[in-house]
Amino acid sequence: MSTPWGEYDLTRFPEDPRDQLRAWDAADEYLLRHLEGTDLSGSVVALGDRWGALTTALAARGAGSLTQISESFLGQEATRANLARAGVAADSVTLLSTHDEPPARVDVLLVRVPKSLALLEDQLHRLAPGVHAGTVVVGTGMVKDIHTSTLNLFERLLGPTKTSLAEKKARLIFCEPDPALARPRNPWPLTYSLEMGIGPASGLAVTNYAGVFCADRLDIGTRFLLQHMPARTGPDRVVDLGCGNGIVGTAAALANPEAKVVFTDESHQAIASARATFRLCAGAAREADAEFRLGDGLSGFPPGSADLVLNNPPFHTHQATTDRTSTRMFTDAREALRPGGELWVVGNRHLGYHLKLERLFGNSELVASDPKFVVLRAVKR
């Protein structure tokens, strides 16, 4: 990645030489060019920096007190690796999650506009108390990601906002903070009750933190899986892989009182949601039956220790459509399962997950289907 003060070799995480997706885009480059003459000696916050491109370049330039705020474990790991590759000491940057207390004072706020408007809303609410009249606020994103609703959100929570001309299909957002602005209440996290007729999840209350997939409703793929959950009893160790708000793992725990459930996701927002959902639905008495793991899928999970893995895999990484994540999830699940253990997957029919499962497990059974989704079962032999 080229910047006004140097070039940097950047990668996504986990690193894979076959991965042709870049760890930066024109929006990152546009923002860094704009910052060439900006005073960065104060408290600088980079919000939503996807793979550490902004953080790495600014740290290498010698920005003052630099903080990155990310909701992604993978993004944080990529940042650490990219900082090391650039020769920047890791302790020169503070890496925070979206649930950590943000800096009390923010002199420069750089916002990589996320796909989720709700996540942006939540984070601007959290950062606003540290923003002052002299704070430089600049957002960046591809043109297709910046809408009138995005600008309205900056206006409503921080102050008057305008945009730049587009360059290479990227755009900047400029906001002038107004400390006297009366901000509305932060609506996140959001809790709602599910309808009946969806198996063991019927009537349960779900808690979603901002940015979790389908945060304001139950997505139809998960609903279809819940309607066709495996009926199991006994002391199973169940893994809700890519748990999101945790409703699948919670439903499995309620359907089988002897089950121990592991919720795992790379999103800080998802893990917080799953923990809140499980506590709300299963109660404090069952908290010892649940484990919440932030990380890269099932990396580091003891081989052969799971009886059942439940999975609704994503088929995109940010804006890029890719099967890389689902392939790694299925491979990790096979490693984690004991002989005879089962992987249950829901996915869009056109994605052809049955072919991957056949290749990895040697078998794939169609449990249920409708015009849009399939539920598949694979057994580790």
Protein backbone atom coordinates (compact mmCIF):
# COMPACT_ATOMS: atom_id res chain seq x y z
CA MET A 1 0.00 0.00 0.00
CA SER A 2 1.42 3.37 -1.04
CA THR A 3 1.11 6.40 1.26
CA PRO A 4 2.65 9.89 1.14
CA TRP A 5 5.29 8.78 3.67
CA GLY A 6 6.10 5.24 2.54
CA GLU A 7 4.93 1.87 1.27
CA TYR A 8 3.75 -1.01 3.44
CA ASP A 9 3.31 -4.73 2.90
CA LEU A 10 -0.04 -5.69 4.39
CA THR A 11 -1.95 -8.96 4.68
CA ARG A 12 -5.25 -10.16 6.01
CA PHE A 13 -5.47 -12.71 8.82
CA PRO A 14 -5.13 -15.64 8.81
CA GLU A 15 -2.44 -15.30 6.19
CA ASP A 16 -2.89 -17.52 3.15
CA PRO A 17 -0.69 -17.22 0.03
CA ARG A 18 -3.66 -18.31 -2.08
CA ASP A 19 -5.75 -15.37 -0.84
CA GLN A 20 -5.79 -12.66 -3.51
CA LEU A 21 -7.89 -10.22 -1.46
CA ARG A 22 -6.01 -7.07 -0.44
CA ALA A 23 -5.79 -5.81 3.13
CA TRP A 24 -6.59 -2.23 2.04
CA ASP A 25 -8.54 -0.41 -0.64
CA ALA A 26 -8.87 2.99 -2.30
CA ALA A 27 -10.77 4.38 0.70
CA ASP A 28 -7.81 3.70 3.02
CA GLU A 29 -5.41 5.30 0.52
CA TYR A 30 -7.65 8.35 0.04
CA LEU A 31 -7.84 9.02 3.78
CA LEU A 32 -4.08 8.65 4.26
CA ARG A 33 -3.37 11.09 1.42
CA HIS A 34 -5.76 13.57 3.02
CA LEU A 35 -3.94 13.27 6.36
CA GLU A 36 -0.53 14.16 4.94
CA GLY A 37 -0.51 17.63 6.49
CA THR A 38 -2.71 16.92 9.53
CA ASP A 39 -1.37 17.32 13.06
CA LEU A 40 -1.42 13.83 14.57
CA SER A 41 0.46 14.62 17.77
CA GLY A 42 -2.58 14.27 20.04
CA SER A 43 -4.97 11.43 20.76
CA VAL A 44 -5.74 9.67 17.47
CA VAL A 45 -8.47 7.02 17.20
CA ALA A 46 -8.91 4.76 14.18
CA LEU A 47 -12.37 3.22 14.32
CA GLY A 48 -13.25 0.18 12.20
CA ASP A 49 -9.81 -0.16 10.56
CA ARG A 50 -10.50 -3.51 8.88
CA TRP A 51 -7.06 -5.12 8.60
CA GLY A 52 -4.86 -2.50 10.22
CA ALA A 53 -3.92 -0.55 7.08
CA LEU A 54 -4.67 2.84 8.63
CA THR A 55 -3.20 1.93 12.01
CA THR A 56 0.02 0.58 10.52
CA ALA A 57 0.63 3.58 8.27
CA LEU A 58 -0.14 6.11 11.02
CA ALA A 59 1.98 4.30 13.60
CA ALA A 60 4.89 4.13 11.16
CA ARG A 61 4.49 7.86 10.55
CA GLY A 62 4.76 8.48 14.29
CA ALA A 63 1.23 9.51 15.26
CA GLY A 64 0.96 10.57 18.91
CA SER A 65 -1.29 8.48 21.14
CA LEU A 66 -2.76 6.08 18.60
CA THR A 67 -5.72 3.81 19.41
CA GLN A 68 -7.44 1.33 17.13
CA ILE A 69 -11.00 0.25 17.95
CA SER A 70 -12.15 -2.91 16.20
CA GLU A 71 -14.98 -5.39 16.60
CA SER A 72 -12.99 -8.11 14.80
CA PHE A 73 -10.51 -10.53 16.37
CA LEU A 74 -9.17 -11.32 12.90
CA GLY A 75 -8.73 -7.62 12.17
CA GLN A 76 -6.80 -7.14 15.40
CA GLU A 77 -4.52 -10.09 14.64
CA ALA A 78 -3.91 -8.70 11.15
CA THR A 79 -3.03 -5.35 12.69
CA ARG A 80 -0.47 -6.93 15.02
CA ALA A 81 1.13 -8.80 12.13
CA ASN A 82 1.17 -5.74 9.86
CA LEU A 83 2.68 -3.55 12.58
CA ALA A 84 5.44 -6.10 13.11
CA ARG A 85 6.07 -6.31 9.36
CA ALA A 86 6.42 -2.52 9.24
CA GLY A 87 8.89 -2.57 12.11
CA VAL A 88 6.54 -0.80 14.52
CA ALA A 89 6.58 -1.81 18.19
CA ALA A 90 3.23 -3.36 19.11
CA ASP A 91 3.07 -1.42 22.39
CA SER A 92 3.15 1.88 20.48
CA VAL A 93 -0.52 1.33 19.54
CA THR A 94 -3.44 0.64 21.86
CA LEU A 95 -5.73 -2.03 20.39
CA LEU A 96 -9.24 -1.90 21.84
CA SER A 97 -12.40 -3.82 21.13
CA THR A 98 -15.78 -2.21 20.56
CA HIS A 99 -16.63 -3.15 24.17
CA ASP A 100 -13.60 -1.56 25.81
CA GLU A 101 -13.80 1.93 27.32
CA PRO A 102 -12.76 4.37 24.56
CA PRO A 103 -10.22 7.17 25.16
CA ALA A 104 -11.56 9.99 27.34
CA ARG A 105 -10.25 12.58 24.85
CA VAL A 106 -10.13 12.24 21.06
CA ASP A 107 -8.24 14.86 19.04
CA VAL A 108 -8.41 13.06 15.68
CA LEU A 109 -11.17 10.56 14.92
CA LEU A 110 -10.77 8.49 11.78
CA VAL A 111 -13.76 6.33 10.87
CA ARG A 112 -13.66 3.50 8.39
CA VAL A 113 -17.40 3.30 7.59
CA PRO A 114 -18.58 -0.24 8.39
CA LYS A 115 -21.12 -2.28 6.47
CA SER A 116 -23.42 -2.10 9.49
CA LEU A 117 -25.01 1.30 10.10
CA ALA A 118 -26.05 0.05 13.55
CA LEU A 119 -22.42 -0.61 14.51
CA LEU A 120 -21.46 2.89 13.39
CA GLU A 121 -24.33 4.33 15.44
CA ASP A 122 -23.29 2.44 18.56
CA GLN A 123 -19.62 3.38 18.27
CA LEU A 124 -20.26 7.07 17.57
CA HIS A 125 -22.45 7.13 20.68
CA ARG A 126 -19.59 5.62 22.70
CA LEU A 127 -16.94 7.97 21.29
CA ALA A 128 -18.96 11.20 21.30
CA PRO A 129 -18.19 12.14 24.95
CA GLY A 130 -14.47 12.27 24.11
CA VAL A 131 -14.92 14.41 21.00
CA HIS A 132 -14.48 18.18 21.45
CA ALA A 133 -14.95 21.25 19.26
CA GLY A 134 -11.41 21.01 17.91
CA THR A 135 -11.50 17.31 17.09
CA VAL A 136 -10.68 16.49 13.47
CA VAL A 137 -13.28 13.93 12.34
CA VAL A 138 -12.78 12.23 8.97
CA GLY A 139 -14.58 9.17 7.73
CA THR A 140 -13.77 7.07 4.69
CA GLY A 141 -15.40 4.38 2.62
CA MET A 142 -16.21 3.27 -0.87
CA VAL A 143 -18.97 5.28 -2.56
CA LYS A 144 -21.34 2.31 -2.45
CA ASP A 145 -21.00 2.16 1.35
CA ILE A 146 -21.70 5.84 2.09
CA HIS A 147 -25.38 6.77 1.96
CA THR A 148 -27.53 9.67 3.08
CA SER A 149 -28.29 7.65 6.23
CA THR A 150 -24.55 7.48 6.97
CA LEU A 151 -24.16 11.24 6.77
CA ASN A 152 -27.32 11.79 8.80
CA LEU A 153 -25.87 9.60 11.54
CA PHE A 154 -22.72 11.73 11.79
CA GLU A 155 -24.90 14.87 11.80
CA ARG A 156 -27.20 13.54 14.51
CA LEU A 157 -24.49 12.25 16.86
CA LEU A 158 -21.48 14.53 16.27
CA GLY A 159 -22.26 17.63 14.20
CA PRO A 160 -22.49 19.19 10.71
CA THR A 161 -21.26 16.81 8.02
CA LYS A 162 -20.31 16.96 4.35
CA THR A 163 -18.55 14.69 1.85
CA SER A 164 -15.66 14.99 -0.57
CA LEU A 165 -15.61 14.36 -4.26
CA ALA A 166 -15.12 10.72 -5.16
CA GLU A 167 -11.70 9.36 -6.10
CA LYS A 168 -11.29 5.81 -7.40
CA LYS A 169 -14.85 5.11 -6.21
CA ALA A 170 -13.93 6.18 -2.66
CA ARG A 171 -15.19 9.15 -0.67
CA LEU A 172 -14.30 11.03 2.51
CA ILE A 173 -16.68 12.33 5.18
CA PHE A 174 -15.89 15.56 7.04
CA CYS A 175 -17.65 16.32 10.30
CA GLU A 176 -17.38 19.42 12.52
CA PRO A 177 -18.15 18.33 16.09
CA ASP A 178 -20.71 20.31 18.03
CA PRO A 179 -20.25 19.66 21.78
CA ALA A 180 -23.63 21.27 22.52
CA LEU A 181 -25.49 18.78 20.32
CA ALA A 182 -28.27 16.92 22.13
CA ARG A 183 -27.77 13.28 21.25
CA PRO A 184 -30.55 10.68 21.43
CA ARG A 185 -30.21 7.59 23.60
CA ASN A 186 -28.04 4.75 22.28
CA PRO A 187 -30.56 2.02 21.31
CA TRP A 188 -27.98 -0.79 21.49
CA PRO A 189 -28.00 -3.57 22.60
CA LEU A 190 -31.45 -4.58 21.37
CA THR A 191 -33.56 -7.34 22.93
CA TYR A 192 -36.62 -8.85 21.28
CA SER A 193 -38.72 -12.01 21.59
CA LEU A 194 -38.92 -14.74 18.95
CA GLU A 195 -42.14 -16.06 17.54
CA MET A 196 -43.47 -19.56 18.15
CA GLY A 197 -42.99 -22.43 15.72
CA ILE A 198 -39.18 -22.42 15.57
CA GLY A 199 -38.37 -25.50 17.60
CA PRO A 200 -36.57 -25.12 20.94
CA ALA A 201 -36.08 -21.39 20.31
CA SER A 202 -39.82 -20.65 20.24
CA GLY A 203 -40.72 -17.64 22.35
CA LEU A 204 -37.16 -17.01 23.57
CA ALA A 205 -35.76 -13.53 24.07
CA VAL A 206 -32.63 -12.66 22.06
CA THR A 207 -30.10 -9.91 22.78
CA ASN A 208 -28.14 -8.39 19.90
CA TYR A 209 -25.31 -5.91 20.12
CA ALA A 210 -24.90 -3.58 17.16
CA GLY A 211 -23.23 -5.06 14.09
CA VAL A 212 -24.27 -8.67 14.65
CA PHE A 213 -25.78 -10.19 11.51
CA CYS A 214 -29.53 -9.42 11.33
CA ALA A 215 -29.34 -7.61 14.68
CA ASP A 216 -32.97 -6.44 14.65
CA ARG A 217 -34.59 -9.74 13.64
CA LEU A 218 -33.92 -13.46 13.31
CA ASP A 219 -32.34 -14.21 9.95
CA ILE A 220 -34.21 -16.73 7.82
CA GLY A 221 -31.32 -19.18 7.54
CA THR A 222 -31.01 -19.47 11.32
CA ARG A 223 -34.79 -19.79 11.60
CA PHE A 224 -34.73 -22.72 9.16
CA LEU A 225 -31.97 -24.47 11.12
CA LEU A 226 -33.86 -23.98 14.40
CA GLN A 227 -36.89 -25.65 12.85
CA HIS A 228 -34.79 -28.74 12.07
CA MET A 229 -32.43 -29.00 15.03
CA PRO A 230 -31.02 -32.44 15.88
CA ALA A 231 -32.90 -34.18 18.69
CA ARG A 232 -30.15 -35.34 21.04
CA THR A 233 -29.89 -36.21 24.72
CA GLY A 234 -27.02 -36.93 27.05
CA PRO A 235 -23.81 -35.10 27.99
CA ASP A 236 -22.95 -33.75 24.55
CA ARG A 237 -20.32 -31.10 24.00
CA VAL A 238 -21.98 -28.84 21.44
CA VAL A 239 -20.23 -26.07 19.50
CA ASP A 240 -22.12 -23.11 18.06
CA LEU A 241 -19.55 -22.21 15.41
CA GLY A 242 -19.80 -18.60 14.21
CA CYS A 243 -22.39 -18.14 16.96
CA GLY A 244 -23.64 -14.63 16.17
CA ASN A 245 -26.23 -13.82 18.83
CA GLY A 246 -25.97 -17.37 20.21
CA ILE A 247 -29.58 -18.40 19.71
CA VAL A 248 -28.68 -21.70 18.01
CA GLY A 249 -26.37 -22.83 20.83
CA THR A 250 -28.83 -21.58 23.44
CA ALA A 251 -31.65 -23.56 21.83
CA ALA A 252 -29.43 -26.68 21.80
CA ALA A 253 -28.69 -26.21 25.51
CA LEU A 254 -32.37 -25.82 26.40
CA ALA A 255 -33.37 -28.85 24.32
CA ASN A 256 -30.73 -31.00 26.03
CA PRO A 257 -30.26 -30.13 29.74
CA GLU A 258 -27.10 -32.26 29.94
CA ALA A 259 -25.33 -30.49 27.08
CA LYS A 260 -22.28 -28.28 27.49
CA VAL A 261 -22.22 -25.59 24.80
CA VAL A 262 -19.24 -23.69 23.39
CA PHE A 263 -20.04 -20.41 21.61
CA THR A 264 -17.28 -19.24 19.29
CA ASP A 265 -16.99 -16.26 16.96
CA GLU A 266 -14.39 -13.78 15.74
CA SER A 267 -16.64 -10.82 16.54
CA HIS A 268 -16.51 -9.10 19.92
CA GLN A 269 -20.10 -7.97 19.31
CA ALA A 270 -21.23 -11.54 18.62
CA ILE A 271 -19.62 -13.00 21.74
CA ALA A 272 -21.21 -10.29 23.89
CA SER A 273 -24.58 -11.01 22.25
CA ALA A 274 -24.29 -14.78 22.73
CA ARG A 275 -23.35 -14.37 26.38
CA ALA A 276 -26.31 -12.04 26.99
CA THR A 277 -28.74 -14.28 25.09
CA PHE A 278 -27.68 -17.42 26.95
CA ARG A 279 -27.88 -15.71 30.34
CA LEU A 280 -31.32 -14.31 29.52
CA CYS A 281 -32.77 -17.60 28.23
CA ALA A 282 -30.98 -20.27 30.26
CA GLY A 283 -30.52 -18.37 33.50
CA ALA A 284 -27.62 -18.10 35.91
CA ALA A 285 -27.99 -21.74 36.95
CA ARG A 286 -26.73 -22.90 33.53
CA GLU A 287 -23.86 -20.47 33.08
CA ALA A 288 -21.40 -23.18 34.09
CA ASP A 289 -22.62 -25.21 31.08
CA ALA A 290 -21.52 -22.55 28.58
CA GLU A 291 -18.14 -21.36 27.30
CA PHE A 292 -17.63 -18.25 25.16
CA ARG A 293 -14.53 -18.20 22.93
CA LEU A 294 -13.39 -15.20 20.91
CA GLY A 295 -11.07 -16.38 18.17
CA ASP A 296 -10.40 -17.69 14.70
CA GLY A 297 -13.09 -20.35 14.31
CA LEU A 298 -12.03 -23.50 16.14
CA SER A 299 -8.34 -22.71 16.08
CA GLY A 300 -6.82 -24.10 19.29
CA PHE A 301 -9.90 -26.22 20.01
CA PRO A 302 -8.96 -29.68 21.37
CA PRO A 303 -9.16 -32.24 18.53
CA GLY A 304 -11.81 -34.91 18.92
CA SER A 305 -13.55 -33.16 21.82
CA ALA A 306 -16.86 -32.12 20.26
CA ASP A 307 -19.96 -34.26 19.76
CA LEU A 308 -21.97 -31.81 17.69
CA VAL A 309 -21.07 -28.68 15.72
CA LEU A 310 -23.84 -26.32 14.55
CA ASN A 311 -22.95 -23.84 11.83
CA ASN A 312 -24.54 -21.12 9.70
CA PRO A 313 -21.40 -19.98 7.86
CA PRO A 314 -20.97 -16.55 6.25
CA PHE A 315 -20.20 -16.44 2.53
CA HIS A 316 -18.58 -13.00 2.50
CA THR A 317 -15.73 -11.14 4.19
CA HIS A 318 -16.72 -7.48 4.42
CA GLN A 319 -17.81 -6.74 0.82
CA ALA A 320 -15.96 -9.69 -0.80
CA THR A 321 -17.95 -12.82 -1.60
CA THR A 322 -15.79 -15.84 -0.81
CA ASP A 323 -16.07 -19.47 0.31
CA ARG A 324 -12.79 -19.26 2.21
CA THR A 325 -14.46 -18.86 5.62
CA SER A 326 -16.94 -21.71 5.20
CA THR A 327 -14.21 -24.06 3.98
CA ARG A 328 -12.07 -23.32 7.02
CA MET A 329 -15.06 -23.74 9.32
CA PHE A 330 -15.92 -27.16 7.90
CA THR A 331 -12.28 -28.27 8.06
CA ASP A 332 -11.92 -27.09 11.66
CA ALA A 333 -15.21 -28.79 12.60
CA ARG A 334 -14.00 -32.13 11.27
CA GLU A 335 -10.82 -31.81 13.34
CA ALA A 336 -12.74 -30.88 16.48
CA LEU A 337 -15.33 -33.67 16.24
CA ARG A 338 -14.86 -37.07 17.82
CA PRO A 339 -15.43 -40.16 15.63
CA GLY A 340 -19.19 -40.37 15.17
CA GLY A 341 -19.60 -36.67 15.89
CA GLU A 342 -21.83 -34.62 13.61
CA LEU A 343 -21.64 -31.28 11.80
CA TRP A 344 -24.99 -29.67 10.99
CA VAL A 345 -24.91 -26.82 8.47
CA VAL A 346 -27.52 -24.47 7.06
CA GLY A 347 -26.84 -22.55 3.88
CA ASN A 348 -28.26 -21.21 0.65
CA ARG A 349 -28.96 -24.00 -1.82
CA HIS A 350 -26.82 -22.47 -4.57
CA LEU A 351 -23.63 -22.49 -2.45
CA GLY A 352 -23.17 -26.23 -2.91
CA TYR A 353 -22.00 -26.97 0.64
CA HIS A 354 -22.86 -30.65 0.16
CA LEU A 355 -19.93 -30.99 -2.24
CA LYS A 356 -17.50 -29.58 0.32
CA LEU A 357 -18.84 -31.85 3.03
CA GLU A 358 -18.60 -34.90 0.78
CA ARG A 359 -14.99 -34.03 0.06
CA LEU A 360 -14.04 -33.41 3.70
CA PHE A 361 -16.17 -35.97 5.54
CA GLY A 362 -16.85 -38.54 2.82
CA ASN A 363 -20.58 -38.11 3.40
CA SER A 364 -23.34 -35.50 3.41
CA GLU A 365 -27.03 -36.03 4.21
CA LEU A 366 -29.82 -33.64 3.26
CA VAL A 367 -31.87 -33.16 6.44
CA ALA A 368 -34.31 -30.52 5.17
CA SER A 369 -34.74 -28.12 2.28
CA ASP A 370 -36.96 -25.34 1.01
CA PRO A 371 -36.69 -23.22 -2.14
CA LYS A 372 -33.88 -21.12 -0.58
CA PHE A 373 -32.06 -23.15 2.11
CA VAL A 374 -30.76 -26.62 2.92
CA VAL A 375 -29.83 -28.18 6.24
CA LEU A 376 -27.02 -30.71 5.83
CA ARG A 377 -25.56 -33.32 8.19
CA ALA A 378 -22.06 -34.78 7.95
CA VAL A 379 -20.65 -37.47 10.26
CA LYS A 380 -17.00 -37.90 11.12
CA ARG A 381 -16.10 -41.53 10.40
